[in-house]
Amino acid sequence: MSSRLRQLARKVVHLASGEIPARICGIATVLFLARHSGVVIVGIYALAQGMVQYTYPVIDFGLRHVGARLVAKYPQAGDEIVRRVQKATDRNGAAILPFLLAYAAITRQPADGIKS
């Protein structure tokens, strides 16, 4: 039992070793933008982050879970499954990209308050 706990702790540390720096870099990016570009740019950045967060489920469309299930069921076909899932995800992303660009184009972005 204790070896399983050690394995679990090792895996948690391994995941946290990437997650913690990613969070710190995200906060540092917002602070840098706020300090050097102003609050308007931080708002635009937050809008972009929100758009990514809410469109990811449409782009992924459950393919990650389906791919994981198929790889678990047919491990010998893992490379082909991964390739097809990535291709479908790319297609979904390309399909939603025009809508994101249209939204970004019609969004008003005030020019005042932007530092140069």
PDB file of N, CA and C in Angstrom:
ATOM      1  N   MET A   1       0.828  -1.203   0.000  1.00  0.00           N
ATOM      2  CA  MET A   1       0.000   0.000   0.000  1.00  0.00           C
ATOM      3  C   MET A   1       0.862   1.252   0.000  1.00  0.00           C
ATOM      4  N   SER A   2       1.966   1.221   0.765  1.00  0.00           N
ATOM      5  CA  SER A   2       2.791   2.429   0.842  1.00  0.00           C
ATOM      6  C   SER A   2       3.507   2.695  -0.478  1.00  0.00           C
ATOM      7  N   SER A   3       3.811   1.636  -1.265  1.00  0.00           N
ATOM      8  CA  SER A   3       4.450   1.881  -2.563  1.00  0.00           C
ATOM      9  C   SER A   3       3.471   2.563  -3.514  1.00  0.00           C
ATOM     10  N   ARG A   4       2.187   2.227  -3.417  1.00  0.00           N
ATOM     11  CA  ARG A   4       1.183   2.908  -4.241  1.00  0.00           C
ATOM     12  C   ARG A   4       1.044   4.375  -3.845  1.00  0.00           C
ATOM     13  N   LEU A   5       1.115   4.647  -2.560  1.00  0.00           N
ATOM     14  CA  LEU A   5       1.055   6.041  -2.109  1.00  0.00           C
ATOM     15  C   LEU A   5       2.270   6.816  -2.601  1.00  0.00           C
ATOM     16  N   ARG A   6       3.440   6.167  -2.581  1.00  0.00           N
ATOM     17  CA  ARG A   6       4.641   6.825  -3.095  1.00  0.00           C
ATOM     18  C   ARG A   6       4.510   7.105  -4.586  1.00  0.00           C
ATOM     19  N   GLN A   7       3.976   6.144  -5.333  1.00  0.00           N
ATOM     20  CA  GLN A   7       3.767   6.344  -6.763  1.00  0.00           C
ATOM     21  C   GLN A   7       2.789   7.492  -7.009  1.00  0.00           C
ATOM     22  N   LEU A   8       1.711   7.516  -6.235  1.00  0.00           N
ATOM     23  CA  LEU A   8       0.730   8.584  -6.369  1.00  0.00           C
ATOM     24  C   LEU A   8       1.362   9.934  -6.050  1.00  0.00           C
ATOM     25  N   ALA A   9       2.116  10.004  -4.961  1.00  0.00           N
ATOM     26  CA  ALA A   9       2.773  11.259  -4.580  1.00  0.00           C
ATOM     27  C   ALA A   9       3.754  11.695  -5.660  1.00  0.00           C
ATOM     28  N   ARG A  10       4.480  10.747  -6.233  1.00  0.00           N
ATOM     29  CA  ARG A  10       5.432  11.077  -7.296  1.00  0.00           C
ATOM     30  C   ARG A  10       4.709  11.643  -8.515  1.00  0.00           C
ATOM     31  N   LYS A  11       3.569  11.053  -8.866  1.00  0.00           N
ATOM     32  CA  LYS A  11       2.800  11.538 -10.008  1.00  0.00           C
ATOM     33  C   LYS A  11       2.195  12.913  -9.741  1.00  0.00           C
ATOM     34  N   VAL A  12       1.739  13.144  -8.517  1.00  0.00           N
ATOM     35  CA  VAL A  12       1.194  14.452  -8.155  1.00  0.00           C
ATOM     36  C   VAL A  12       2.282  15.518  -8.243  1.00  0.00           C
ATOM     37  N   VAL A  13       3.459  15.205  -7.729  1.00  0.00           N
ATOM     38  CA  VAL A  13       4.582  16.151  -7.797  1.00  0.00           C
ATOM     39  C   VAL A  13       4.962  16.405  -9.245  1.00  0.00           C
ATOM     40  N   HIS A  14       4.949  15.348 -10.061  1.00  0.00           N
ATOM     41  CA  HIS A  14       5.286  15.506 -11.484  1.00  0.00           C
ATOM     42  C   HIS A  14       4.297  16.447 -12.176  1.00  0.00           C
ATOM     43  N   LEU A  15       3.002  16.269 -11.917  1.00  0.00           N
ATOM     44  CA  LEU A  15       2.001  17.151 -12.518  1.00  0.00           C
ATOM     45  C   LEU A  15       2.100  18.569 -11.974  1.00  0.00           C
ATOM     46  N   ALA A  16       2.310  18.694 -10.667  1.00  0.00           N
ATOM     47  CA  ALA A  16       2.398  20.019 -10.054  1.00  0.00           C
ATOM     48  C   ALA A  16       3.629  20.764 -10.533  1.00  0.00           C
ATOM     49  N   SER A  17       4.684  20.043 -10.887  1.00  0.00           N
ATOM     50  CA  SER A  17       5.899  20.710 -11.340  1.00  0.00           C
ATOM     51  C   SER A  17       5.675  21.446 -12.653  1.00  0.00           C
ATOM     52  N   GLY A  18       4.663  21.099 -13.393  1.00  0.00           N
ATOM     53  CA  GLY A  18       4.314  21.845 -14.603  1.00  0.00           C
ATOM     54  C   GLY A  18       3.195  22.843 -14.366  1.00  0.00           C
ATOM     55  N   GLU A  19       2.264  22.481 -13.508  1.00  0.00           N
ATOM     56  CA  GLU A  19       1.094  23.333 -13.267  1.00  0.00           C
ATOM     57  C   GLU A  19       1.466  24.616 -12.522  1.00  0.00           C
ATOM     58  N   ILE A  20       2.309  24.503 -11.524  1.00  0.00           N
ATOM     59  CA  ILE A  20       2.677  25.676 -10.716  1.00  0.00           C
ATOM     60  C   ILE A  20       3.402  26.725 -11.556  1.00  0.00           C
ATOM     61  N   PRO A  21       4.429  26.367 -12.332  1.00  0.00           N
ATOM     62  CA  PRO A  21       5.062  27.386 -13.181  1.00  0.00           C
ATOM     63  C   PRO A  21       4.099  27.970 -14.221  1.00  0.00           C
ATOM     64  N   ALA A  22       3.179  27.156 -14.728  1.00  0.00           N
ATOM     65  CA  ALA A  22       2.206  27.667 -15.700  1.00  0.00           C
ATOM     66  C   ALA A  22       1.322  28.732 -15.061  1.00  0.00           C
ATOM     67  N   ARG A  23       0.866  28.495 -13.843  1.00  0.00           N
ATOM     68  CA  ARG A  23       0.043  29.490 -13.138  1.00  0.00           C
ATOM     69  C   ARG A  23       0.836  30.759 -12.854  1.00  0.00           C
ATOM     70  N   ILE A  24       2.074  30.595 -12.418  1.00  0.00           N
ATOM     71  CA  ILE A  24       2.922  31.759 -12.129  1.00  0.00           C
ATOM     72  C   ILE A  24       3.165  32.568 -13.396  1.00  0.00           C
ATOM     73  N   CYS A  25       3.411  31.888 -14.510  1.00  0.00           N
ATOM     74  CA  CYS A  25       3.618  32.601 -15.780  1.00  0.00           C
ATOM     75  C   CYS A  25       2.349  33.330 -16.224  1.00  0.00           C
ATOM     76  N   GLY A  26       1.194  32.733 -15.994  1.00  0.00           N
ATOM     77  CA  GLY A  26      -0.062  33.401 -16.337  1.00  0.00           C
ATOM     78  C   GLY A  26      -0.268  34.666 -15.534  1.00  0.00           C
ATOM     79  N   ILE A  27      -0.003  34.615 -14.249  1.00  0.00           N
ATOM     80  CA  ILE A  27      -0.132  35.800 -13.396  1.00  0.00           C
ATOM     81  C   ILE A  27       0.904  36.840 -13.797  1.00  0.00           C
ATOM     82  N   ALA A  28       2.137  36.395 -14.079  1.00  0.00           N
ATOM     83  CA  ALA A  28       3.194  37.329 -14.492  1.00  0.00           C
ATOM     84  C   ALA A  28       2.839  38.016 -15.802  1.00  0.00           C
ATOM     85  N   THR A  29       2.188  37.298 -16.717  1.00  0.00           N
ATOM     86  CA  THR A  29       1.769  37.898 -17.982  1.00  0.00           C
ATOM     87  C   THR A  29       0.751  39.005 -17.748  1.00  0.00           C
ATOM     88  N   VAL A  30      -0.227  38.744 -16.902  1.00  0.00           N
ATOM     89  CA  VAL A  30      -1.242  39.770 -16.609  1.00  0.00           C
ATOM     90  C   VAL A  30      -0.603  40.983 -15.934  1.00  0.00           C
ATOM     91  N   LEU A  31       0.280  40.743 -14.981  1.00  0.00           N
ATOM     92  CA  LEU A  31       0.951  41.858 -14.303  1.00  0.00           C
ATOM     93  C   LEU A  31       1.808  42.659 -15.271  1.00  0.00           C
ATOM     94  N   PHE A  32       2.527  41.982 -16.156  1.00  0.00           N
ATOM     95  CA  PHE A  32       3.352  42.667 -17.150  1.00  0.00           C
ATOM     96  C   PHE A  32       2.492  43.518 -18.077  1.00  0.00           C
ATOM     97  N   LEU A  33       1.390  42.942 -18.568  1.00  0.00           N
ATOM     98  CA  LEU A  33       0.509  43.696 -19.459  1.00  0.00           C
ATOM     99  C   LEU A  33      -0.099  44.897 -18.741  1.00  0.00           C
ATOM    100  N   ALA A  34      -0.508  44.712 -17.506  1.00  0.00           N
ATOM    101  CA  ALA A  34      -1.105  45.816 -16.748  1.00  0.00           C
ATOM    102  C   ALA A  34      -0.093  46.927 -16.514  1.00  0.00           C
ATOM    103  N   ARG A  35       1.122  46.565 -16.202  1.00  0.00           N
ATOM    104  CA  ARG A  35       2.150  47.565 -15.890  1.00  0.00           C
ATOM    105  C   ARG A  35       2.613  48.308 -17.128  1.00  0.00           C
ATOM    106  N   HIS A  36       2.801  47.590 -18.231  1.00  0.00           N
ATOM    107  CA  HIS A  36       3.405  48.208 -19.411  1.00  0.00           C
ATOM    108  C   HIS A  36       2.403  48.666 -20.471  1.00  0.00           C
ATOM    109  N   SER A  37       1.211  48.130 -20.474  1.00  0.00           N
ATOM    110  CA  SER A  37       0.269  48.471 -21.536  1.00  0.00           C
ATOM    111  C   SER A  37      -1.031  49.073 -21.048  1.00  0.00           C
ATOM    112  N   GLY A  38      -1.341  48.924 -19.791  1.00  0.00           N
ATOM    113  CA  GLY A  38      -2.552  49.525 -19.257  1.00  0.00           C
ATOM    114  C   GLY A  38      -3.696  48.544 -19.139  1.00  0.00           C
ATOM    115  N   VAL A  39      -4.734  49.021 -18.509  1.00  0.00           N
ATOM    116  CA  VAL A  39      -5.866  48.174 -18.161  1.00  0.00           C
ATOM    117  C   VAL A  39      -6.678  47.767 -19.389  1.00  0.00           C
ATOM    118  N   VAL A  40      -6.679  48.564 -20.432  1.00  0.00           N
ATOM    119  CA  VAL A  40      -7.446  48.220 -21.639  1.00  0.00           C
ATOM    120  C   VAL A  40      -6.871  46.963 -22.282  1.00  0.00           C
ATOM    121  N   ILE A  41      -5.554  46.885 -22.365  1.00  0.00           N
ATOM    122  CA  ILE A  41      -4.907  45.710 -22.948  1.00  0.00           C
ATOM    123  C   ILE A  41      -5.172  44.481 -22.075  1.00  0.00           C
ATOM    124  N   VAL A  42      -5.165  44.659 -20.762  1.00  0.00           N
ATOM    125  CA  VAL A  42      -5.470  43.532 -19.878  1.00  0.00           C
ATOM    126  C   VAL A  42      -6.909  43.060 -20.109  1.00  0.00           C
ATOM    127  N   GLY A  43      -7.815  43.984 -20.356  1.00  0.00           N
ATOM    128  CA  GLY A  43      -9.194  43.608 -20.677  1.00  0.00           C
ATOM    129  C   GLY A  43      -9.290  42.835 -21.980  1.00  0.00           C
ATOM    130  N   ILE A  44      -8.545  43.269 -22.986  1.00  0.00           N
ATOM    131  CA  ILE A  44      -8.524  42.554 -24.266  1.00  0.00           C
ATOM    132  C   ILE A  44      -7.940  41.159 -24.076  1.00  0.00           C
ATOM    133  N   TYR A  45      -6.880  41.069 -23.276  1.00  0.00           N
ATOM    134  CA  TYR A  45      -6.262  39.774 -22.976  1.00  0.00           C
ATOM    135  C   TYR A  45      -7.263  38.865 -22.245  1.00  0.00           C
ATOM    136  N   ALA A  46      -7.988  39.418 -21.290  1.00  0.00           N
ATOM    137  CA  ALA A  46      -8.983  38.630 -20.548  1.00  0.00           C
ATOM    138  C   ALA A  46     -10.102  38.158 -21.472  1.00  0.00           C
ATOM    139  N   LEU A  47     -10.520  39.013 -22.407  1.00  0.00           N
ATOM    140  CA  LEU A  47     -11.536  38.618 -23.379  1.00  0.00           C
ATOM    141  C   LEU A  47     -11.036  37.466 -24.242  1.00  0.00           C
ATOM    142  N   ALA A  48      -9.792  37.548 -24.679  1.00  0.00           N
ATOM    143  CA  ALA A  48      -9.218  36.473 -25.491  1.00  0.00           C
ATOM    144  C   ALA A  48      -9.137  35.168 -24.687  1.00  0.00           C
ATOM    145  N   GLN A  49      -8.747  35.262 -23.435  1.00  0.00           N
ATOM    146  CA  GLN A  49      -8.678  34.078 -22.582  1.00  0.00           C
ATOM    147  C   GLN A  49     -10.071  33.462 -22.405  1.00  0.00           C
ATOM    148  N   GLY A  50     -11.066  34.308 -22.211  1.00  0.00           N
ATOM    149  CA  GLY A  50     -12.441  33.820 -22.082  1.00  0.00           C
ATOM    150  C   GLY A  50     -12.934  33.142 -23.349  1.00  0.00           C
ATOM    151  N   MET A  51     -12.591  33.721 -24.497  1.00  0.00           N
ATOM    152  CA  MET A  51     -12.991  33.120 -25.768  1.00  0.00           C
ATOM    153  C   MET A  51     -12.354  31.735 -25.926  1.00  0.00           C
ATOM    154  N   VAL A  52     -11.101  31.620 -25.556  1.00  0.00           N
ATOM    155  CA  VAL A  52     -10.427  30.321 -25.641  1.00  0.00           C
ATOM    156  C   VAL A  52     -11.076  29.321 -24.702  1.00  0.00           C
ATOM    157  N   GLN A  53     -11.367  29.746 -23.486  1.00  0.00           N
ATOM    158  CA  GLN A  53     -11.945  28.848 -22.484  1.00  0.00           C
ATOM    159  C   GLN A  53     -13.308  28.335 -22.917  1.00  0.00           C
ATOM    160  N   TYR A  54     -14.128  29.197 -23.504  1.00  0.00           N
ATOM    161  CA  TYR A  54     -15.481  28.782 -23.857  1.00  0.00           C
ATOM    162  C   TYR A  54     -15.575  28.098 -25.216  1.00  0.00           C
ATOM    163  N   THR A  55     -14.571  28.256 -26.073  1.00  0.00           N
ATOM    164  CA  THR A  55     -14.615  27.561 -27.358  1.00  0.00           C
ATOM    165  C   THR A  55     -13.881  26.225 -27.322  1.00  0.00           C
ATOM    166  N   TYR A  56     -13.074  25.991 -26.304  1.00  0.00           N
ATOM    167  CA  TYR A  56     -12.342  24.726 -26.232  1.00  0.00           C
ATOM    168  C   TYR A  56     -13.263  23.509 -26.239  1.00  0.00           C
ATOM    169  N   PRO A  57     -14.372  23.501 -25.485  1.00  0.00           N
ATOM    170  CA  PRO A  57     -15.259  22.322 -25.553  1.00  0.00           C
ATOM    171  C   PRO A  57     -15.837  22.089 -26.950  1.00  0.00           C
ATOM    172  N   VAL A  58     -16.056  23.158 -27.703  1.00  0.00           N
ATOM    173  CA  VAL A  58     -16.568  23.003 -29.068  1.00  0.00           C
ATOM    174  C   VAL A  58     -15.480  22.408 -29.960  1.00  0.00           C
ATOM    175  N   ILE A  59     -14.246  22.862 -29.766  1.00  0.00           N
ATOM    176  CA  ILE A  59     -13.136  22.356 -30.574  1.00  0.00           C
ATOM    177  C   ILE A  59     -12.819  20.908 -30.197  1.00  0.00           C
ATOM    178  N   ASP A  60     -12.764  20.623 -28.915  1.00  0.00           N
ATOM    179  CA  ASP A  60     -12.431  19.270 -28.442  1.00  0.00           C
ATOM    180  C   ASP A  60     -13.573  18.300 -28.727  1.00  0.00           C
ATOM    181  N   PHE A  61     -14.784  18.698 -28.421  1.00  0.00           N
ATOM    182  CA  PHE A  61     -16.018  17.953 -28.720  1.00  0.00           C
ATOM    183  C   PHE A  61     -15.980  16.531 -28.170  1.00  0.00           C
ATOM    184  N   GLY A  62     -15.280  16.361 -27.041  1.00  0.00           N
ATOM    185  CA  GLY A  62     -15.208  15.046 -26.412  1.00  0.00           C
ATOM    186  C   GLY A  62     -14.226  14.095 -27.060  1.00  0.00           C
ATOM    187  N   LEU A  63     -13.494  14.579 -28.067  1.00  0.00           N
ATOM    188  CA  LEU A  63     -12.583  13.705 -28.798  1.00  0.00           C
ATOM    189  C   LEU A  63     -11.444  13.186 -27.924  1.00  0.00           C
ATOM    190  N   ARG A  64     -11.015  13.980 -26.962  1.00  0.00           N
ATOM    191  CA  ARG A  64      -9.932  13.557 -26.073  1.00  0.00           C
ATOM    192  C   ARG A  64     -10.351  12.305 -25.302  1.00  0.00           C
ATOM    193  N   HIS A  65     -11.575  12.302 -24.807  1.00  0.00           N
ATOM    194  CA  HIS A  65     -12.067  11.162 -24.034  1.00  0.00           C
ATOM    195  C   HIS A  65     -12.316   9.949 -24.936  1.00  0.00           C
ATOM    196  N   VAL A  66     -12.871  10.194 -26.102  1.00  0.00           N
ATOM    197  CA  VAL A  66     -13.104   9.095 -27.043  1.00  0.00           C
ATOM    198  C   VAL A  66     -11.772   8.492 -27.468  1.00  0.00           C
ATOM    199  N   GLY A  67     -10.796   9.345 -27.753  1.00  0.00           N
ATOM    200  CA  GLY A  67      -9.480   8.857 -28.144  1.00  0.00           C
ATOM    201  C   GLY A  67      -8.817   8.048 -27.041  1.00  0.00           C
ATOM    202  N   ALA A  68      -8.929   8.520 -25.803  1.00  0.00           N
ATOM    203  CA  ALA A  68      -8.342   7.779 -24.681  1.00  0.00           C
ATOM    204  C   ALA A  68      -9.017   6.419 -24.516  1.00  0.00           C
ATOM    205  N   ARG A  69     -10.321   6.376 -24.683  1.00  0.00           N
ATOM    206  CA  ARG A  69     -11.043   5.105 -24.572  1.00  0.00           C
ATOM    207  C   ARG A  69     -10.622   4.152 -25.685  1.00  0.00           C
ATOM    208  N   LEU A  70     -10.495   4.669 -26.903  1.00  0.00           N
ATOM    209  CA  LEU A  70     -10.103   3.810 -28.020  1.00  0.00           C
ATOM    210  C   LEU A  70      -8.669   3.306 -27.883  1.00  0.00           C
ATOM    211  N   VAL A  71      -7.770   4.164 -27.407  1.00  0.00           N
ATOM    212  CA  VAL A  71      -6.380   3.735 -27.206  1.00  0.00           C
ATOM    213  C   VAL A  71      -6.316   2.671 -26.120  1.00  0.00           C
ATOM    214  N   ALA A  72      -7.127   2.822 -25.075  1.00  0.00           N
ATOM    215  CA  ALA A  72      -7.150   1.804 -24.018  1.00  0.00           C
ATOM    216  C   ALA A  72      -7.695   0.475 -24.545  1.00  0.00           C
ATOM    217  N   LYS A  73      -8.656   0.554 -25.445  1.00  0.00           N
ATOM    218  CA  LYS A  73      -9.261  -0.663 -25.984  1.00  0.00           C
ATOM    219  C   LYS A  73      -8.403  -1.304 -27.072  1.00  0.00           C
ATOM    220  N   TYR A  74      -7.773  -0.461 -27.898  1.00  0.00           N
ATOM    221  CA  TYR A  74      -6.944  -0.955 -29.012  1.00  0.00           C
ATOM    222  C   TYR A  74      -5.554  -0.318 -28.951  1.00  0.00           C
ATOM    223  N   PRO A  75      -4.713  -0.736 -28.014  1.00  0.00           N
ATOM    224  CA  PRO A  75      -3.403  -0.091 -27.856  1.00  0.00           C
ATOM    225  C   PRO A  75      -2.495  -0.235 -29.077  1.00  0.00           C
ATOM    226  N   GLN A  76      -2.674  -1.282 -29.870  1.00  0.00           N
ATOM    227  CA  GLN A  76      -1.835  -1.475 -31.045  1.00  0.00           C
ATOM    228  C   GLN A  76      -2.115  -0.421 -32.121  1.00  0.00           C
ATOM    229  N   ALA A  77      -3.275   0.199 -32.083  1.00  0.00           N
ATOM    230  CA  ALA A  77      -3.641   1.219 -33.067  1.00  0.00           C
ATOM    231  C   ALA A  77      -3.506   2.622 -32.487  1.00  0.00           C
ATOM    232  N   GLY A  78      -2.734   2.772 -31.435  1.00  0.00           N
ATOM    233  CA  GLY A  78      -2.621   4.053 -30.735  1.00  0.00           C
ATOM    234  C   GLY A  78      -2.179   5.200 -31.621  1.00  0.00           C
ATOM    235  N   ASP A  79      -1.160   4.986 -32.443  1.00  0.00           N
ATOM    236  CA  ASP A  79      -0.663   6.068 -33.308  1.00  0.00           C
ATOM    237  C   ASP A  79      -1.728   6.549 -34.287  1.00  0.00           C
ATOM    238  N   GLU A  80      -2.448   5.607 -34.879  1.00  0.00           N
ATOM    239  CA  GLU A  80      -3.491   5.968 -35.841  1.00  0.00           C
ATOM    240  C   GLU A  80      -4.651   6.695 -35.149  1.00  0.00           C
ATOM    241  N   ILE A  81      -5.023   6.236 -33.965  1.00  0.00           N
ATOM    242  CA  ILE A  81      -6.111   6.884 -33.221  1.00  0.00           C
ATOM    243  C   ILE A  81      -5.725   8.303 -32.860  1.00  0.00           C
ATOM    244  N   VAL A  82      -4.522   8.490 -32.353  1.00  0.00           N
ATOM    245  CA  VAL A  82      -4.061   9.829 -31.980  1.00  0.00           C
ATOM    246  C   VAL A  82      -4.035  10.740 -33.205  1.00  0.00           C
ATOM    247  N   ARG A  83      -3.547  10.215 -34.330  1.00  0.00           N
ATOM    248  CA  ARG A  83      -3.480  11.018 -35.550  1.00  0.00           C
ATOM    249  C   ARG A  83      -4.878  11.466 -35.987  1.00  0.00           C
ATOM    250  N   ARG A  84      -5.835  10.550 -35.941  1.00  0.00           N
ATOM    251  CA  ARG A  84      -7.196  10.896 -36.368  1.00  0.00           C
ATOM    252  C   ARG A  84      -7.877  11.865 -35.403  1.00  0.00           C
ATOM    253  N   VAL A  85      -7.649  11.676 -34.108  1.00  0.00           N
ATOM    254  CA  VAL A  85      -8.234  12.597 -33.123  1.00  0.00           C
ATOM    255  C   VAL A  85      -7.638  13.994 -33.300  1.00  0.00           C
ATOM    256  N   GLN A  86      -6.328  14.086 -33.509  1.00  0.00           N
ATOM    257  CA  GLN A  86      -5.705  15.395 -33.724  1.00  0.00           C
ATOM    258  C   GLN A  86      -6.219  16.051 -34.996  1.00  0.00           C
ATOM    259  N   LYS A  87      -6.408  15.263 -36.046  1.00  0.00           N
ATOM    260  CA  LYS A  87      -6.928  15.802 -37.306  1.00  0.00           C
ATOM    261  C   LYS A  87      -8.349  16.343 -37.126  1.00  0.00           C
ATOM    262  N   ALA A  88      -9.197  15.595 -36.411  1.00  0.00           N
ATOM    263  CA  ALA A  88     -10.566  16.046 -36.168  1.00  0.00           C
ATOM    264  C   ALA A  88     -10.587  17.290 -35.294  1.00  0.00           C
ATOM    265  N   THR A  89      -9.707  17.343 -34.300  1.00  0.00           N
ATOM    266  CA  THR A  89      -9.630  18.531 -33.446  1.00  0.00           C
ATOM    267  C   THR A  89      -9.178  19.741 -34.247  1.00  0.00           C
ATOM    268  N   ASP A  90      -8.208  19.554 -35.125  1.00  0.00           N
ATOM    269  CA  ASP A  90      -7.757  20.652 -35.992  1.00  0.00           C
ATOM    270  C   ASP A  90      -8.880  21.137 -36.901  1.00  0.00           C
ATOM    271  N   ARG A  91      -9.663  20.194 -37.441  1.00  0.00           N
ATOM    272  CA  ARG A  91     -10.802  20.570 -38.290  1.00  0.00           C
ATOM    273  C   ARG A  91     -11.822  21.384 -37.510  1.00  0.00           C
ATOM    274  N   ASN A  92     -12.133  20.949 -36.288  1.00  0.00           N
ATOM    275  CA  ASN A  92     -13.094  21.691 -35.457  1.00  0.00           C
ATOM    276  C   ASN A  92     -12.564  23.083 -35.135  1.00  0.00           C
ATOM    277  N   GLY A  93     -11.276  23.188 -34.838  1.00  0.00           N
ATOM    278  CA  GLY A  93     -10.679  24.491 -34.561  1.00  0.00           C
ATOM    279  C   GLY A  93     -10.724  25.403 -35.773  1.00  0.00           C
ATOM    280  N   ALA A  94     -10.446  24.848 -36.945  1.00  0.00           N
ATOM    281  CA  ALA A  94     -10.499  25.645 -38.175  1.00  0.00           C
ATOM    282  C   ALA A  94     -11.931  26.091 -38.478  1.00  0.00           C
ATOM    283  N   ALA A  95     -12.906  25.262 -38.117  1.00  0.00           N
ATOM    284  CA  ALA A  95     -14.302  25.617 -38.368  1.00  0.00           C
ATOM    285  C   ALA A  95     -14.776  26.757 -37.472  1.00  0.00           C
ATOM    286  N   ILE A  96     -14.274  26.828 -36.249  1.00  0.00           N
ATOM    287  CA  ILE A  96     -14.740  27.867 -35.328  1.00  0.00           C
ATOM    288  C   ILE A  96     -13.919  29.160 -35.456  1.00  0.00           C
ATOM    289  N   LEU A  97     -12.752  29.076 -36.052  1.00  0.00           N
ATOM    290  CA  LEU A  97     -11.874  30.241 -36.170  1.00  0.00           C
ATOM    291  C   LEU A  97     -12.532  31.433 -36.877  1.00  0.00           C
ATOM    292  N   PRO A  98     -13.260  31.268 -37.982  1.00  0.00           N
ATOM    293  CA  PRO A  98     -13.910  32.433 -38.607  1.00  0.00           C
ATOM    294  C   PRO A  98     -14.899  33.146 -37.668  1.00  0.00           C
ATOM    295  N   PHE A  99     -15.594  32.385 -36.831  1.00  0.00           N
ATOM    296  CA  PHE A  99     -16.527  33.003 -35.892  1.00  0.00           C
ATOM    297  C   PHE A  99     -15.784  33.826 -34.840  1.00  0.00           C
ATOM    298  N   LEU A 100     -14.649  33.308 -34.362  1.00  0.00           N
ATOM    299  CA  LEU A 100     -13.844  34.061 -33.398  1.00  0.00           C
ATOM    300  C   LEU A 100     -13.270  35.325 -34.030  1.00  0.00           C
ATOM    301  N   LEU A 101     -12.810  35.223 -35.263  1.00  0.00           N
ATOM    302  CA  LEU A 101     -12.279  36.397 -35.960  1.00  0.00           C
ATOM    303  C   LEU A 101     -13.372  37.434 -36.197  1.00  0.00           C
ATOM    304  N   ALA A 102     -14.565  36.982 -36.562  1.00  0.00           N
ATOM    305  CA  ALA A 102     -15.681  37.916 -36.763  1.00  0.00           C
ATOM    306  C   ALA A 102     -16.041  38.608 -35.457  1.00  0.00           C
ATOM    307  N   TYR A 103     -16.066  37.870 -34.374  1.00  0.00           N
ATOM    308  CA  TYR A 103     -16.362  38.467 -33.072  1.00  0.00           C
ATOM    309  C   TYR A 103     -15.299  39.492 -32.690  1.00  0.00           C
ATOM    310  N   ALA A 104     -14.040  39.145 -32.914  1.00  0.00           N
ATOM    311  CA  ALA A 104     -12.961  40.083 -32.595  1.00  0.00           C
ATOM    312  C   ALA A 104     -13.035  41.325 -33.475  1.00  0.00           C
ATOM    313  N   ALA A 105     -13.479  41.165 -34.714  1.00  0.00           N
ATOM    314  CA  ALA A 105     -13.556  42.304 -35.626  1.00  0.00           C
ATOM    315  C   ALA A 105     -14.676  43.273 -35.251  1.00  0.00           C
ATOM    316  N   ILE A 106     -15.781  42.760 -34.717  1.00  0.00           N
ATOM    317  CA  ILE A 106     -16.897  43.659 -34.391  1.00  0.00           C
ATOM    318  C   ILE A 106     -16.830  44.203 -32.975  1.00  0.00           C
ATOM    319  N   THR A 107     -15.888  43.709 -32.177  1.00  0.00           N
ATOM    320  CA  THR A 107     -15.745  44.191 -30.807  1.00  0.00           C
ATOM    321  C   THR A 107     -15.073  45.555 -30.818  1.00  0.00           C
ATOM    322  N   ARG A 108     -15.663  46.494 -30.097  1.00  0.00           N
ATOM    323  CA  ARG A 108     -15.053  47.830 -30.005  1.00  0.00           C
ATOM    324  C   ARG A 108     -13.882  47.767 -29.042  1.00  0.00           C
ATOM    325  N   GLN A 109     -12.772  48.350 -29.454  1.00  0.00           N
ATOM    326  CA  GLN A 109     -11.594  48.417 -28.605  1.00  0.00           C
ATOM    327  C   GLN A 109     -11.207  49.889 -28.484  1.00  0.00           C
ATOM    328  N   PRO A 110     -11.437  50.458 -27.308  1.00  0.00           N
ATOM    329  CA  PRO A 110     -11.135  51.892 -27.141  1.00  0.00           C
ATOM    330  C   PRO A 110      -9.635  52.165 -27.274  1.00  0.00           C
ATOM    331  N   ALA A 111      -9.321  53.212 -28.011  1.00  0.00           N
ATOM    332  CA  ALA A 111      -7.909  53.567 -28.210  1.00  0.00           C
ATOM    333  C   ALA A 111      -7.376  54.384 -27.042  1.00  0.00           C
ATOM    334  N   ASP A 112      -8.266  55.069 -26.290  1.00  0.00           N
ATOM    335  CA  ASP A 112      -7.779  55.839 -25.144  1.00  0.00           C
ATOM    336  C   ASP A 112      -7.440  54.890 -23.998  1.00  0.00           C
ATOM    337  N   GLY A 113      -6.457  55.226 -23.257  1.00  0.00           N
ATOM    338  CA  GLY A 113      -6.045  54.412 -22.134  1.00  0.00           C
ATOM    339  C   GLY A 113      -4.954  53.420 -22.482  1.00  0.00           C
ATOM    340  N   ILE A 114      -4.597  53.337 -23.761  1.00  0.00           N
ATOM    341  CA  ILE A 114      -3.521  52.450 -24.165  1.00  0.00           C
ATOM    342  C   ILE A 114      -2.223  53.224 -24.117  1.00  0.00           C
ATOM    343  N   LYS A 115      -1.293  52.730 -23.317  1.00  0.00           N
ATOM    344  CA  LYS A 115       0.020  53.362 -23.230  1.00  0.00           C
ATOM    345  C   LYS A 115       0.860  52.953 -24.430  1.00  0.00           C
ATOM    346  N   SER A 116       1.779  53.808 -24.799  1.00  0.00           N
ATOM    347  CA  SER A 116       2.702  53.401 -25.861  1.00  0.00           C
ATOM    348  C   SER A 116       4.125  53.562 -25.407  1.00  0.00           C
TER     349      SER A 116
END
